[in-house]
Amino acid sequence: MLEKLTHQEEEAMQAVWRKGEGNIKSFLEFLDEEIPYTTLASTIKNLEKKGYLESRLVGNAYLYKPAITEEEYKKKFMSGFVKEYFENSYKELVNFFVEQKKLSPKELKEIVEMIEGKK
């Protein structure tokens, strides 16, 4: 079972998923916010320890690649999120967004159409 990621670890994983396999320096350009090389290097090492990344030595540098796809992570994260915050009910999740006025009637209709397989 994979550990939950911190915000910083999620940001690093986003960069790795965008880049694919690469070294730490190559991931820096795929980050949404600038962070020091040493900070990213430490985060990448933590992600490897947690099982999210695999590495291999090429020459004198390590190349890292995802051990889990972004889709797999989203599925795992959303399941835990819905279970933890919405009593394992996707209906409650949608209801929350409707109540917060984050979903318009048009968007809600589109969701229903997707569920019914019309799109």
PDB file of N, CA and C in Angstrom:
ATOM      1  N   MET A   1       0.842  -1.192   0.000  1.00  0.00           N
ATOM      2  CA  MET A   1       0.000   0.000   0.000  1.00  0.00           C
ATOM      3  C   MET A   1       0.881   1.246   0.000  1.00  0.00           C
ATOM      4  N   LEU A   2       0.641   2.126  -0.937  1.00  0.00           N
ATOM      5  CA  LEU A   2       1.442   3.332  -1.047  1.00  0.00           C
ATOM      6  C   LEU A   2       1.013   4.373  -0.022  1.00  0.00           C
ATOM      7  N   GLU A   3       2.015   5.081   0.509  1.00  0.00           N
ATOM      8  CA  GLU A   3       1.746   6.137   1.480  1.00  0.00           C
ATOM      9  C   GLU A   3       1.151   7.347   0.781  1.00  0.00           C
ATOM     10  N   LYS A   4       0.386   8.122   1.529  1.00  0.00           N
ATOM     11  CA  LYS A   4      -0.167   9.369   1.016  1.00  0.00           C
ATOM     12  C   LYS A   4       0.981  10.350   0.761  1.00  0.00           C
ATOM     13  N   LEU A   5       0.870  11.135  -0.285  1.00  0.00           N
ATOM     14  CA  LEU A   5       1.913  12.089  -0.628  1.00  0.00           C
ATOM     15  C   LEU A   5       1.649  13.457  -0.026  1.00  0.00           C
ATOM     16  N   THR A   6       2.744  14.151   0.291  1.00  0.00           N
ATOM     17  CA  THR A   6       2.634  15.544   0.727  1.00  0.00           C
ATOM     18  C   THR A   6       2.402  16.394  -0.520  1.00  0.00           C
ATOM     19  N   HIS A   7       2.051  17.654  -0.308  1.00  0.00           N
ATOM     20  CA  HIS A   7       1.842  18.565  -1.441  1.00  0.00           C
ATOM     21  C   HIS A   7       3.111  18.648  -2.296  1.00  0.00           C
ATOM     22  N   GLN A   8       4.247  18.779  -1.648  1.00  0.00           N
ATOM     23  CA  GLN A   8       5.533  18.890  -2.360  1.00  0.00           C
ATOM     24  C   GLN A   8       5.825  17.616  -3.164  1.00  0.00           C
ATOM     25  N   GLU A   9       5.523  16.465  -2.586  1.00  0.00           N
ATOM     26  CA  GLU A   9       5.737  15.194  -3.287  1.00  0.00           C
ATOM     27  C   GLU A   9       4.802  15.079  -4.489  1.00  0.00           C
ATOM     28  N   GLU A  10       3.560  15.525  -4.329  1.00  0.00           N
ATOM     29  CA  GLU A  10       2.621  15.497  -5.462  1.00  0.00           C
ATOM     30  C   GLU A  10       3.109  16.394  -6.590  1.00  0.00           C
ATOM     31  N   GLU A  11       3.626  17.567  -6.243  1.00  0.00           N
ATOM     32  CA  GLU A  11       4.169  18.486  -7.255  1.00  0.00           C
ATOM     33  C   GLU A  11       5.325  17.814  -8.007  1.00  0.00           C
ATOM     34  N   ALA A  12       6.188  17.141  -7.271  1.00  0.00           N
ATOM     35  CA  ALA A  12       7.326  16.454  -7.893  1.00  0.00           C
ATOM     36  C   ALA A  12       6.840  15.326  -8.802  1.00  0.00           C
ATOM     37  N   MET A  13       5.854  14.573  -8.344  1.00  0.00           N
ATOM     38  CA  MET A  13       5.309  13.482  -9.175  1.00  0.00           C
ATOM     39  C   MET A  13       4.687  14.038 -10.448  1.00  0.00           C
ATOM     40  N   GLN A  14       4.000  15.180 -10.353  1.00  0.00           N
ATOM     41  CA  GLN A  14       3.423  15.805 -11.551  1.00  0.00           C
ATOM     42  C   GLN A  14       4.533  16.094 -12.566  1.00  0.00           C
ATOM     43  N   ALA A  15       5.659  16.597 -12.087  1.00  0.00           N
ATOM     44  CA  ALA A  15       6.793  16.890 -12.975  1.00  0.00           C
ATOM     45  C   ALA A  15       7.336  15.605 -13.603  1.00  0.00           C
ATOM     46  N   VAL A  16       7.451  14.555 -12.809  1.00  0.00           N
ATOM     47  CA  VAL A  16       7.962  13.274 -13.319  1.00  0.00           C
ATOM     48  C   VAL A  16       6.995  12.703 -14.357  1.00  0.00           C
ATOM     49  N   TRP A  17       5.691  12.746 -14.071  1.00  0.00           N
ATOM     50  CA  TRP A  17       4.714  12.235 -15.043  1.00  0.00           C
ATOM     51  C   TRP A  17       4.763  13.033 -16.339  1.00  0.00           C
ATOM     52  N   ARG A  18       4.955  14.348 -16.247  1.00  0.00           N
ATOM     53  CA  ARG A  18       5.031  15.175 -17.466  1.00  0.00           C
ATOM     54  C   ARG A  18       6.280  14.843 -18.278  1.00  0.00           C
ATOM     55  N   LYS A  19       7.399  14.656 -17.578  1.00  0.00           N
ATOM     56  CA  LYS A  19       8.680  14.421 -18.248  1.00  0.00           C
ATOM     57  C   LYS A  19       8.848  12.965 -18.681  1.00  0.00           C
ATOM     58  N   GLY A  20       8.386  12.036 -17.856  1.00  0.00           N
ATOM     59  CA  GLY A  20       8.705  10.637 -18.096  1.00  0.00           C
ATOM     60  C   GLY A  20      10.018  10.358 -17.388  1.00  0.00           C
ATOM     61  N   GLU A  21      10.836   9.504 -17.948  1.00  0.00           N
ATOM     62  CA  GLU A  21      12.119   9.192 -17.297  1.00  0.00           C
ATOM     63  C   GLU A  21      13.082  10.364 -17.443  1.00  0.00           C
ATOM     64  N   GLY A  22      13.827  10.635 -16.366  1.00  0.00           N
ATOM     65  CA  GLY A  22      14.814  11.709 -16.434  1.00  0.00           C
ATOM     66  C   GLY A  22      15.596  11.822 -15.144  1.00  0.00           C
ATOM     67  N   ASN A  23      16.526  12.779 -15.141  1.00  0.00           N
ATOM     68  CA  ASN A  23      17.289  13.042 -13.925  1.00  0.00           C
ATOM     69  C   ASN A  23      16.639  14.213 -13.189  1.00  0.00           C
ATOM     70  N   ILE A  24      17.124  14.486 -12.003  1.00  0.00           N
ATOM     71  CA  ILE A  24      16.506  15.514 -11.167  1.00  0.00           C
ATOM     72  C   ILE A  24      16.510  16.866 -11.869  1.00  0.00           C
ATOM     73  N   LYS A  25      17.608  17.214 -12.484  1.00  0.00           N
ATOM     74  CA  LYS A  25      17.698  18.515 -13.173  1.00  0.00           C
ATOM     75  C   LYS A  25      16.626  18.637 -14.261  1.00  0.00           C
ATOM     76  N   SER A  26      16.375  17.541 -14.979  1.00  0.00           N
ATOM     77  CA  SER A  26      15.383  17.593 -16.057  1.00  0.00           C
ATOM     78  C   SER A  26      13.958  17.776 -15.531  1.00  0.00           C
ATOM     79  N   PHE A  27      13.715  17.372 -14.292  1.00  0.00           N
ATOM     80  CA  PHE A  27      12.376  17.530 -13.716  1.00  0.00           C
ATOM     81  C   PHE A  27      12.108  18.971 -13.292  1.00  0.00           C
ATOM     82  N   LEU A  28      13.166  19.729 -12.991  1.00  0.00           N
ATOM     83  CA  LEU A  28      13.000  21.109 -12.523  1.00  0.00           C
ATOM     84  C   LEU A  28      12.166  21.951 -13.485  1.00  0.00           C
ATOM     85  N   GLU A  29      12.370  21.776 -14.793  1.00  0.00           N
ATOM     86  CA  GLU A  29      11.648  22.590 -15.770  1.00  0.00           C
ATOM     87  C   GLU A  29      10.176  22.211 -15.909  1.00  0.00           C
ATOM     88  N   PHE A  30       9.794  21.079 -15.336  1.00  0.00           N
ATOM     89  CA  PHE A  30       8.406  20.627 -15.416  1.00  0.00           C
ATOM     90  C   PHE A  30       7.610  20.933 -14.140  1.00  0.00           C
ATOM     91  N   LEU A  31       8.242  21.611 -13.192  1.00  0.00           N
ATOM     92  CA  LEU A  31       7.555  21.992 -11.953  1.00  0.00           C
ATOM     93  C   LEU A  31       6.727  23.251 -12.180  1.00  0.00           C
ATOM     94  N   ASP A  32       5.591  23.347 -11.506  1.00  0.00           N
ATOM     95  CA  ASP A  32       4.746  24.535 -11.602  1.00  0.00           C
ATOM     96  C   ASP A  32       5.338  25.705 -10.835  1.00  0.00           C
ATOM     97  N   GLU A  33       6.076  25.399  -9.769  1.00  0.00           N
ATOM     98  CA  GLU A  33       6.703  26.452  -8.979  1.00  0.00           C
ATOM     99  C   GLU A  33       8.193  26.146  -8.834  1.00  0.00           C
ATOM    100  N   GLU A  34       9.000  27.195  -8.736  1.00  0.00           N
ATOM    101  CA  GLU A  34      10.443  26.997  -8.620  1.00  0.00           C
ATOM    102  C   GLU A  34      10.812  26.542  -7.216  1.00  0.00           C
ATOM    103  N   ILE A  35      11.602  25.478  -7.161  1.00  0.00           N
ATOM    104  CA  ILE A  35      12.149  25.037  -5.881  1.00  0.00           C
ATOM    105  C   ILE A  35      13.630  24.722  -6.100  1.00  0.00           C
ATOM    106  N   PRO A  36      14.439  24.808  -5.048  1.00  0.00           N
ATOM    107  CA  PRO A  36      15.872  24.525  -5.205  1.00  0.00           C
ATOM    108  C   PRO A  36      16.124  23.067  -5.614  1.00  0.00           C
ATOM    109  N   TYR A  37      17.201  22.859  -6.353  1.00  0.00           N
ATOM    110  CA  TYR A  37      17.603  21.522  -6.811  1.00  0.00           C
ATOM    111  C   TYR A  37      17.683  20.550  -5.643  1.00  0.00           C
ATOM    112  N   THR A  38      18.321  21.001  -4.542  1.00  0.00           N
ATOM    113  CA  THR A  38      18.521  20.102  -3.393  1.00  0.00           C
ATOM    114  C   THR A  38      17.187  19.679  -2.773  1.00  0.00           C
ATOM    115  N   THR A  39      16.216  20.577  -2.767  1.00  0.00           N
ATOM    116  CA  THR A  39      14.889  20.256  -2.234  1.00  0.00           C
ATOM    117  C   THR A  39      14.221  19.199  -3.106  1.00  0.00           C
ATOM    118  N   LEU A  40      14.303  19.396  -4.420  1.00  0.00           N
ATOM    119  CA  LEU A  40      13.713  18.421  -5.341  1.00  0.00           C
ATOM    120  C   LEU A  40      14.426  17.077  -5.216  1.00  0.00           C
ATOM    121  N   ALA A  41      15.744  17.099  -5.102  1.00  0.00           N
ATOM    122  CA  ALA A  41      16.517  15.855  -4.976  1.00  0.00           C
ATOM    123  C   ALA A  41      16.069  15.076  -3.739  1.00  0.00           C
ATOM    124  N   SER A  42      15.879  15.767  -2.632  1.00  0.00           N
ATOM    125  CA  SER A  42      15.424  15.134  -1.398  1.00  0.00           C
ATOM    126  C   SER A  42      14.016  14.559  -1.568  1.00  0.00           C
ATOM    127  N   THR A  43      13.136  15.314  -2.229  1.00  0.00           N
ATOM    128  CA  THR A  43      11.757  14.870  -2.467  1.00  0.00           C
ATOM    129  C   THR A  43      11.732  13.643  -3.367  1.00  0.00           C
ATOM    130  N   ILE A  44      12.566  13.642  -4.413  1.00  0.00           N
ATOM    131  CA  ILE A  44      12.649  12.505  -5.342  1.00  0.00           C
ATOM    132  C   ILE A  44      13.110  11.252  -4.592  1.00  0.00           C
ATOM    133  N   LYS A  45      14.097  11.399  -3.730  1.00  0.00           N
ATOM    134  CA  LYS A  45      14.584  10.258  -2.936  1.00  0.00           C
ATOM    135  C   LYS A  45      13.465   9.711  -2.038  1.00  0.00           C
ATOM    136  N   ASN A  46      12.683  10.608  -1.433  1.00  0.00           N
ATOM    137  CA  ASN A  46      11.560  10.171  -0.591  1.00  0.00           C
ATOM    138  C   ASN A  46      10.522   9.424  -1.422  1.00  0.00           C
ATOM    139  N   LEU A  47      10.250   9.912  -2.623  1.00  0.00           N
ATOM    140  CA  LEU A  47       9.277   9.257  -3.500  1.00  0.00           C
ATOM    141  C   LEU A  47       9.753   7.864  -3.896  1.00  0.00           C
ATOM    142  N   GLU A  48      11.056   7.730  -4.084  1.00  0.00           N
ATOM    143  CA  GLU A  48      11.608   6.413  -4.410  1.00  0.00           C
ATOM    144  C   GLU A  48      11.450   5.468  -3.210  1.00  0.00           C
ATOM    145  N   LYS A  49      11.746   5.962  -2.006  1.00  0.00           N
ATOM    146  CA  LYS A  49      11.594   5.148  -0.798  1.00  0.00           C
ATOM    147  C   LYS A  49      10.142   4.712  -0.596  1.00  0.00           C
ATOM    148  N   LYS A  50       9.208   5.597  -0.936  1.00  0.00           N
ATOM    149  CA  LYS A  50       7.781   5.297  -0.770  1.00  0.00           C
ATOM    150  C   LYS A  50       7.234   4.388  -1.875  1.00  0.00           C
ATOM    151  N   GLY A  51       8.066   4.121  -2.898  1.00  0.00           N
ATOM    152  CA  GLY A  51       7.643   3.206  -3.957  1.00  0.00           C
ATOM    153  C   GLY A  51       6.964   3.870  -5.160  1.00  0.00           C
ATOM    154  N   TYR A  52       6.984   5.194  -5.213  1.00  0.00           N
ATOM    155  CA  TYR A  52       6.366   5.909  -6.330  1.00  0.00           C
ATOM    156  C   TYR A  52       7.295   6.038  -7.543  1.00  0.00           C
ATOM    157  N   LEU A  53       8.598   5.947  -7.303  1.00  0.00           N
ATOM    158  CA  LEU A  53       9.583   6.074  -8.383  1.00  0.00           C
ATOM    159  C   LEU A  53      10.536   4.888  -8.384  1.00  0.00           C
ATOM    160  N   GLU A  54      11.047   4.596  -9.574  1.00  0.00           N
ATOM    161  CA  GLU A  54      12.114   3.608  -9.742  1.00  0.00           C
ATOM    162  C   GLU A  54      13.323   4.367 -10.273  1.00  0.00           C
ATOM    163  N   SER A  55      14.519   3.873  -9.962  1.00  0.00           N
ATOM    164  CA  SER A  55      15.716   4.537 -10.464  1.00  0.00           C
ATOM    165  C   SER A  55      16.693   3.520 -11.035  1.00  0.00           C
ATOM    166  N   ARG A  56      17.546   4.034 -11.911  1.00  0.00           N
ATOM    167  CA  ARG A  56      18.643   3.218 -12.432  1.00  0.00           C
ATOM    168  C   ARG A  56      19.837   4.139 -12.642  1.00  0.00           C
ATOM    169  N   LEU A  57      21.014   3.584 -12.415  1.00  0.00           N
ATOM    170  CA  LEU A  57      22.248   4.345 -12.550  1.00  0.00           C
ATOM    171  C   LEU A  57      22.720   4.275 -13.992  1.00  0.00           C
ATOM    172  N   VAL A  58      22.915   5.443 -14.591  1.00  0.00           N
ATOM    173  CA  VAL A  58      23.449   5.530 -15.954  1.00  0.00           C
ATOM    174  C   VAL A  58      24.685   6.422 -15.860  1.00  0.00           C
ATOM    175  N   GLY A  59      25.850   5.821 -16.063  1.00  0.00           N
ATOM    176  CA  GLY A  59      27.098   6.556 -15.848  1.00  0.00           C
ATOM    177  C   GLY A  59      27.212   6.866 -14.366  1.00  0.00           C
ATOM    178  N   ASN A  60      27.289   8.155 -14.046  1.00  0.00           N
ATOM    179  CA  ASN A  60      27.356   8.531 -12.631  1.00  0.00           C
ATOM    180  C   ASN A  60      26.104   9.294 -12.184  1.00  0.00           C
ATOM    181  N   ALA A  61      25.030   9.178 -12.960  1.00  0.00           N
ATOM    182  CA  ALA A  61      23.781   9.873 -12.611  1.00  0.00           C
ATOM    183  C   ALA A  61      22.621   8.876 -12.549  1.00  0.00           C
ATOM    184  N   TYR A  62      21.696   9.156 -11.672  1.00  0.00           N
ATOM    185  CA  TYR A  62      20.497   8.334 -11.562  1.00  0.00           C
ATOM    186  C   TYR A  62      19.394   8.888 -12.460  1.00  0.00           C
ATOM    187  N   LEU A  63      18.719   7.986 -13.142  1.00  0.00           N
ATOM    188  CA  LEU A  63      17.524   8.340 -13.896  1.00  0.00           C
ATOM    189  C   LEU A  63      16.340   7.765 -13.139  1.00  0.00           C
ATOM    190  N   TYR A  64      15.294   8.560 -13.041  1.00  0.00           N
ATOM    191  CA  TYR A  64      14.090   8.157 -12.310  1.00  0.00           C
ATOM    192  C   TYR A  64      12.913   8.080 -13.263  1.00  0.00           C
ATOM    193  N   LYS A  65      12.011   7.140 -12.981  1.00  0.00           N
ATOM    194  CA  LYS A  65      10.776   7.048 -13.751  1.00  0.00           C
ATOM    195  C   LYS A  65       9.649   6.631 -12.810  1.00  0.00           C
ATOM    196  N   PRO A  66       8.412   6.957 -13.178  1.00  0.00           N
ATOM    197  CA  PRO A  66       7.291   6.623 -12.307  1.00  0.00           C
ATOM    198  C   PRO A  66       7.123   5.113 -12.153  1.00  0.00           C
ATOM    199  N   ALA A  67       6.803   4.681 -10.945  1.00  0.00           N
ATOM    200  CA  ALA A  67       6.491   3.275 -10.686  1.00  0.00           C
ATOM    201  C   ALA A  67       4.979   3.084 -10.666  1.00  0.00           C
ATOM    202  N   ILE A  68       4.249   4.195 -10.724  1.00  0.00           N
ATOM    203  CA  ILE A  68       2.797   4.192 -10.720  1.00  0.00           C
ATOM    204  C   ILE A  68       2.341   5.258 -11.727  1.00  0.00           C
ATOM    205  N   THR A  69       1.295   4.954 -12.482  1.00  0.00           N
ATOM    206  CA  THR A  69       0.810   5.936 -13.454  1.00  0.00           C
ATOM    207  C   THR A  69       0.008   7.018 -12.740  1.00  0.00           C
ATOM    208  N   GLU A  70      -0.134   8.132 -13.422  1.00  0.00           N
ATOM    209  CA  GLU A  70      -0.933   9.225 -12.864  1.00  0.00           C
ATOM    210  C   GLU A  70      -2.380   8.778 -12.666  1.00  0.00           C
ATOM    211  N   GLU A  71      -2.883   7.988 -13.609  1.00  0.00           N
ATOM    212  CA  GLU A  71      -4.251   7.467 -13.527  1.00  0.00           C
ATOM    213  C   GLU A  71      -4.431   6.578 -12.293  1.00  0.00           C
ATOM    214  N   GLU A  72      -3.456   5.699 -12.032  1.00  0.00           N
ATOM    215  CA  GLU A  72      -3.521   4.828 -10.855  1.00  0.00           C
ATOM    216  C   GLU A  72      -3.521   5.651  -9.565  1.00  0.00           C
ATOM    217  N   TYR A  73      -2.687   6.695  -9.555  1.00  0.00           N
ATOM    218  CA  TYR A  73      -2.616   7.546  -8.369  1.00  0.00           C
ATOM    219  C   TYR A  73      -3.937   8.278  -8.144  1.00  0.00           C
ATOM    220  N   LYS A  74      -4.498   8.834  -9.209  1.00  0.00           N
ATOM    221  CA  LYS A  74      -5.771   9.559  -9.089  1.00  0.00           C
ATOM    222  C   LYS A  74      -6.866   8.638  -8.564  1.00  0.00           C
ATOM    223  N   LYS A  75      -6.908   7.423  -9.091  1.00  0.00           N
ATOM    224  CA  LYS A  75      -7.926   6.461  -8.662  1.00  0.00           C
ATOM    225  C   LYS A  75      -7.770   6.163  -7.166  1.00  0.00           C
ATOM    226  N   LYS A  76      -6.532   5.903  -6.732  1.00  0.00           N
ATOM    227  CA  LYS A  76      -6.254   5.607  -5.329  1.00  0.00           C
ATOM    228  C   LYS A  76      -6.580   6.814  -4.459  1.00  0.00           C
ATOM    229  N   PHE A  77      -6.126   7.992  -4.883  1.00  0.00           N
ATOM    230  CA  PHE A  77      -6.324   9.205  -4.100  1.00  0.00           C
ATOM    231  C   PHE A  77      -7.805   9.548  -3.983  1.00  0.00           C
ATOM    232  N   MET A  78      -8.532   9.505  -5.091  1.00  0.00           N
ATOM    233  CA  MET A  78      -9.948   9.867  -5.068  1.00  0.00           C
ATOM    234  C   MET A  78     -10.757   8.892  -4.220  1.00  0.00           C
ATOM    235  N   SER A  79     -10.443   7.620  -4.308  1.00  0.00           N
ATOM    236  CA  SER A  79     -11.162   6.638  -3.475  1.00  0.00           C
ATOM    237  C   SER A  79     -10.977   6.957  -1.997  1.00  0.00           C
ATOM    238  N   GLY A  80      -9.754   7.236  -1.606  1.00  0.00           N
ATOM    239  CA  GLY A  80      -9.466   7.580  -0.215  1.00  0.00           C
ATOM    240  C   GLY A  80     -10.107   8.897   0.189  1.00  0.00           C
ATOM    241  N   PHE A  81     -10.080   9.859  -0.706  1.00  0.00           N
ATOM    242  CA  PHE A  81     -10.653  11.181  -0.467  1.00  0.00           C
ATOM    243  C   PHE A  81     -12.158  11.081  -0.241  1.00  0.00           C
ATOM    244  N   VAL A  82     -12.839  10.356  -1.117  1.00  0.00           N
ATOM    245  CA  VAL A  82     -14.292  10.202  -1.007  1.00  0.00           C
ATOM    246  C   VAL A  82     -14.637   9.433   0.272  1.00  0.00           C
ATOM    247  N   LYS A  83     -13.856   8.407   0.567  1.00  0.00           N
ATOM    248  CA  LYS A  83     -14.110   7.617   1.775  1.00  0.00           C
ATOM    249  C   LYS A  83     -13.913   8.473   3.026  1.00  0.00           C
ATOM    250  N   GLU A  84     -12.824   9.244   3.047  1.00  0.00           N
ATOM    251  CA  GLU A  84     -12.459  10.019   4.232  1.00  0.00           C
ATOM    252  C   GLU A  84     -13.367  11.234   4.460  1.00  0.00           C
ATOM    253  N   TYR A  85     -13.730  11.930   3.393  1.00  0.00           N
ATOM    254  CA  TYR A  85     -14.451  13.188   3.543  1.00  0.00           C
ATOM    255  C   TYR A  85     -15.938  13.122   3.205  1.00  0.00           C
ATOM    256  N   PHE A  86     -16.371  12.104   2.486  1.00  0.00           N
ATOM    257  CA  PHE A  86     -17.759  12.051   2.025  1.00  0.00           C
ATOM    258  C   PHE A  86     -18.437  10.717   2.335  1.00  0.00           C
ATOM    259  N   GLU A  87     -18.010  10.075   3.417  1.00  0.00           N
ATOM    260  CA  GLU A  87     -18.611   8.824   3.883  1.00  0.00           C
ATOM    261  C   GLU A  87     -18.732   7.788   2.769  1.00  0.00           C
ATOM    262  N   ASN A  88     -17.717   7.766   1.912  1.00  0.00           N
ATOM    263  CA  ASN A  88     -17.629   6.810   0.801  1.00  0.00           C
ATOM    264  C   ASN A  88     -18.781   6.960  -0.202  1.00  0.00           C
ATOM    265  N   SER A  89     -19.339   8.167  -0.300  1.00  0.00           N
ATOM    266  CA  SER A  89     -20.463   8.416  -1.194  1.00  0.00           C
ATOM    267  C   SER A  89     -20.089   9.457  -2.252  1.00  0.00           C
ATOM    268  N   TYR A  90     -20.049   9.018  -3.502  1.00  0.00           N
ATOM    269  CA  TYR A  90     -19.780   9.959  -4.594  1.00  0.00           C
ATOM    270  C   TYR A  90     -20.959  10.919  -4.761  1.00  0.00           C
ATOM    271  N   LYS A  91     -22.148  10.468  -4.384  1.00  0.00           N
ATOM    272  CA  LYS A  91     -23.321  11.337  -4.416  1.00  0.00           C
ATOM    273  C   LYS A  91     -23.108  12.516  -3.467  1.00  0.00           C
ATOM    274  N   GLU A  92     -22.577  12.241  -2.273  1.00  0.00           N
ATOM    275  CA  GLU A  92     -22.298  13.313  -1.311  1.00  0.00           C
ATOM    276  C   GLU A  92     -21.229  14.265  -1.844  1.00  0.00           C
ATOM    277  N   LEU A  93     -20.252  13.724  -2.550  1.00  0.00           N
ATOM    278  CA  LEU A  93     -19.216  14.547  -3.161  1.00  0.00           C
ATOM    279  C   LEU A  93     -19.831  15.526  -4.157  1.00  0.00           C
ATOM    280  N   VAL A  94     -20.669  15.020  -5.056  1.00  0.00           N
ATOM    281  CA  VAL A  94     -21.322  15.869  -6.057  1.00  0.00           C
ATOM    282  C   VAL A  94     -22.221  16.884  -5.363  1.00  0.00           C
ATOM    283  N   ASN A  95     -22.958  16.427  -4.356  1.00  0.00           N
ATOM    284  CA  ASN A  95     -23.839  17.316  -3.607  1.00  0.00           C
ATOM    285  C   ASN A  95     -23.053  18.466  -2.977  1.00  0.00           C
ATOM    286  N   PHE A  96     -21.876  18.162  -2.450  1.00  0.00           N
ATOM    287  CA  PHE A  96     -21.026  19.191  -1.854  1.00  0.00           C
ATOM    288  C   PHE A  96     -20.704  20.274  -2.881  1.00  0.00           C
ATOM    289  N   PHE A  97     -20.302  19.855  -4.083  1.00  0.00           N
ATOM    290  CA  PHE A  97     -19.941  20.831  -5.115  1.00  0.00           C
ATOM    291  C   PHE A  97     -21.151  21.626  -5.599  1.00  0.00           C
ATOM    292  N   VAL A  98     -22.305  21.007  -5.616  1.00  0.00           N
ATOM    293  CA  VAL A  98     -23.534  21.718  -5.986  1.00  0.00           C
ATOM    294  C   VAL A  98     -23.835  22.774  -4.921  1.00  0.00           C
ATOM    295  N   GLU A  99     -23.783  22.376  -3.647  1.00  0.00           N
ATOM    296  CA  GLU A  99     -24.074  23.310  -2.553  1.00  0.00           C
ATOM    297  C   GLU A  99     -23.087  24.467  -2.512  1.00  0.00           C
ATOM    298  N   GLN A 100     -21.838  24.201  -2.862  1.00  0.00           N
ATOM    299  CA  GLN A 100     -20.806  25.247  -2.857  1.00  0.00           C
ATOM    300  C   GLN A 100     -20.840  26.093  -4.132  1.00  0.00           C
ATOM    301  N   LYS A 101     -21.811  25.807  -4.981  1.00  0.00           N
ATOM    302  CA  LYS A 101     -21.979  26.499  -6.271  1.00  0.00           C
ATOM    303  C   LYS A 101     -20.738  26.357  -7.157  1.00  0.00           C
ATOM    304  N   LYS A 102     -20.116  25.173  -7.065  1.00  0.00           N
ATOM    305  CA  LYS A 102     -18.949  24.855  -7.902  1.00  0.00           C
ATOM    306  C   LYS A 102     -19.367  24.070  -9.137  1.00  0.00           C
ATOM    307  N   LEU A 103     -20.611  23.608  -9.164  1.00  0.00           N
ATOM    308  CA  LEU A 103     -21.159  22.880 -10.308  1.00  0.00           C
ATOM    309  C   LEU A 103     -22.428  23.589 -10.753  1.00  0.00           C
ATOM    310  N   SER A 104     -22.468  23.954 -12.011  1.00  0.00           N
ATOM    311  CA  SER A 104     -23.663  24.605 -12.553  1.00  0.00           C
ATOM    312  C   SER A 104     -24.674  23.533 -12.959  1.00  0.00           C
ATOM    313  N   PRO A 105     -25.952  23.925 -13.133  1.00  0.00           N
ATOM    314  CA  PRO A 105     -26.945  22.963 -13.622  1.00  0.00           C
ATOM    315  C   PRO A 105     -26.527  22.338 -14.957  1.00  0.00           C
ATOM    316  N   LYS A 106     -25.903  23.136 -15.828  1.00  0.00           N
ATOM    317  CA  LYS A 106     -25.450  22.623 -17.127  1.00  0.00           C
ATOM    318  C   LYS A 106     -24.381  21.543 -16.924  1.00  0.00           C
ATOM    319  N   GLU A 107     -23.426  21.800 -16.046  1.00  0.00           N
ATOM    320  CA  GLU A 107     -22.369  20.820 -15.773  1.00  0.00           C
ATOM    321  C   GLU A 107     -22.953  19.557 -15.147  1.00  0.00           C
ATOM    322  N   LEU A 108     -23.903  19.733 -14.247  1.00  0.00           N
ATOM    323  CA  LEU A 108     -24.549  18.589 -13.613  1.00  0.00           C
ATOM    324  C   LEU A 108     -25.276  17.741 -14.652  1.00  0.00           C
ATOM    325  N   LYS A 109     -25.930  18.406 -15.592  1.00  0.00           N
ATOM    326  CA  LYS A 109     -26.623  17.694 -16.673  1.00  0.00           C
ATOM    327  C   LYS A 109     -25.608  16.904 -17.513  1.00  0.00           C
ATOM    328  N   GLU A 110     -24.461  17.528 -17.790  1.00  0.00           N
ATOM    329  CA  GLU A 110     -23.408  16.853 -18.567  1.00  0.00           C
ATOM    330  C   GLU A 110     -22.898  15.619 -17.818  1.00  0.00           C
ATOM    331  N   ILE A 111     -22.767  15.714 -16.499  1.00  0.00           N
ATOM    332  CA  ILE A 111     -22.322  14.570 -15.693  1.00  0.00           C
ATOM    333  C   ILE A 111     -23.340  13.440 -15.795  1.00  0.00           C
ATOM    334  N   VAL A 112     -24.616  13.784 -15.676  1.00  0.00           N
ATOM    335  CA  VAL A 112     -25.674  12.767 -15.781  1.00  0.00           C
ATOM    336  C   VAL A 112     -25.619  12.099 -17.154  1.00  0.00           C
ATOM    337  N   GLU A 113     -25.400  12.896 -18.202  1.00  0.00           N
ATOM    338  CA  GLU A 113     -25.318  12.338 -19.560  1.00  0.00           C
ATOM    339  C   GLU A 113     -24.107  11.409 -19.689  1.00  0.00           C
ATOM    340  N   MET A 114     -22.996  11.772 -19.060  1.00  0.00           N
ATOM    341  CA  MET A 114     -21.821  10.899 -19.093  1.00  0.00           C
ATOM    342  C   MET A 114     -22.122   9.579 -18.397  1.00  0.00           C
ATOM    343  N   ILE A 115     -22.784   9.664 -17.255  1.00  0.00           N
ATOM    344  CA  ILE A 115     -23.140   8.451 -16.509  1.00  0.00           C
ATOM    345  C   ILE A 115     -24.059   7.565 -17.328  1.00  0.00           C
ATOM    346  N   GLU A 116     -24.997   8.187 -18.008  1.00  0.00           N
ATOM    347  CA  GLU A 116     -25.959   7.430 -18.822  1.00  0.00           C
ATOM    348  C   GLU A 116     -25.351   6.976 -20.140  1.00  0.00           C
ATOM    349  N   GLY A 117     -24.124   7.399 -20.435  1.00  0.00           N
ATOM    350  CA  GLY A 117     -23.436   6.952 -21.641  1.00  0.00           C
ATOM    351  C   GLY A 117     -23.858   7.652 -22.914  1.00  0.00           C
ATOM    352  N   LYS A 118     -24.392   8.852 -22.784  1.00  0.00           N
ATOM    353  CA  LYS A 118     -24.855   9.586 -23.967  1.00  0.00           C
ATOM    354  C   LYS A 118     -23.752  10.404 -24.595  1.00  0.00           C
ATOM    355  N   LYS A 119     -22.603  10.505 -23.930  1.00  0.00           N
ATOM    356  CA  LYS A 119     -21.501  11.308 -24.479  1.00  0.00           C
ATOM    357  C   LYS A 119     -20.333  10.429 -24.821  1.00  0.00           C
TER     358      LYS A 119
END
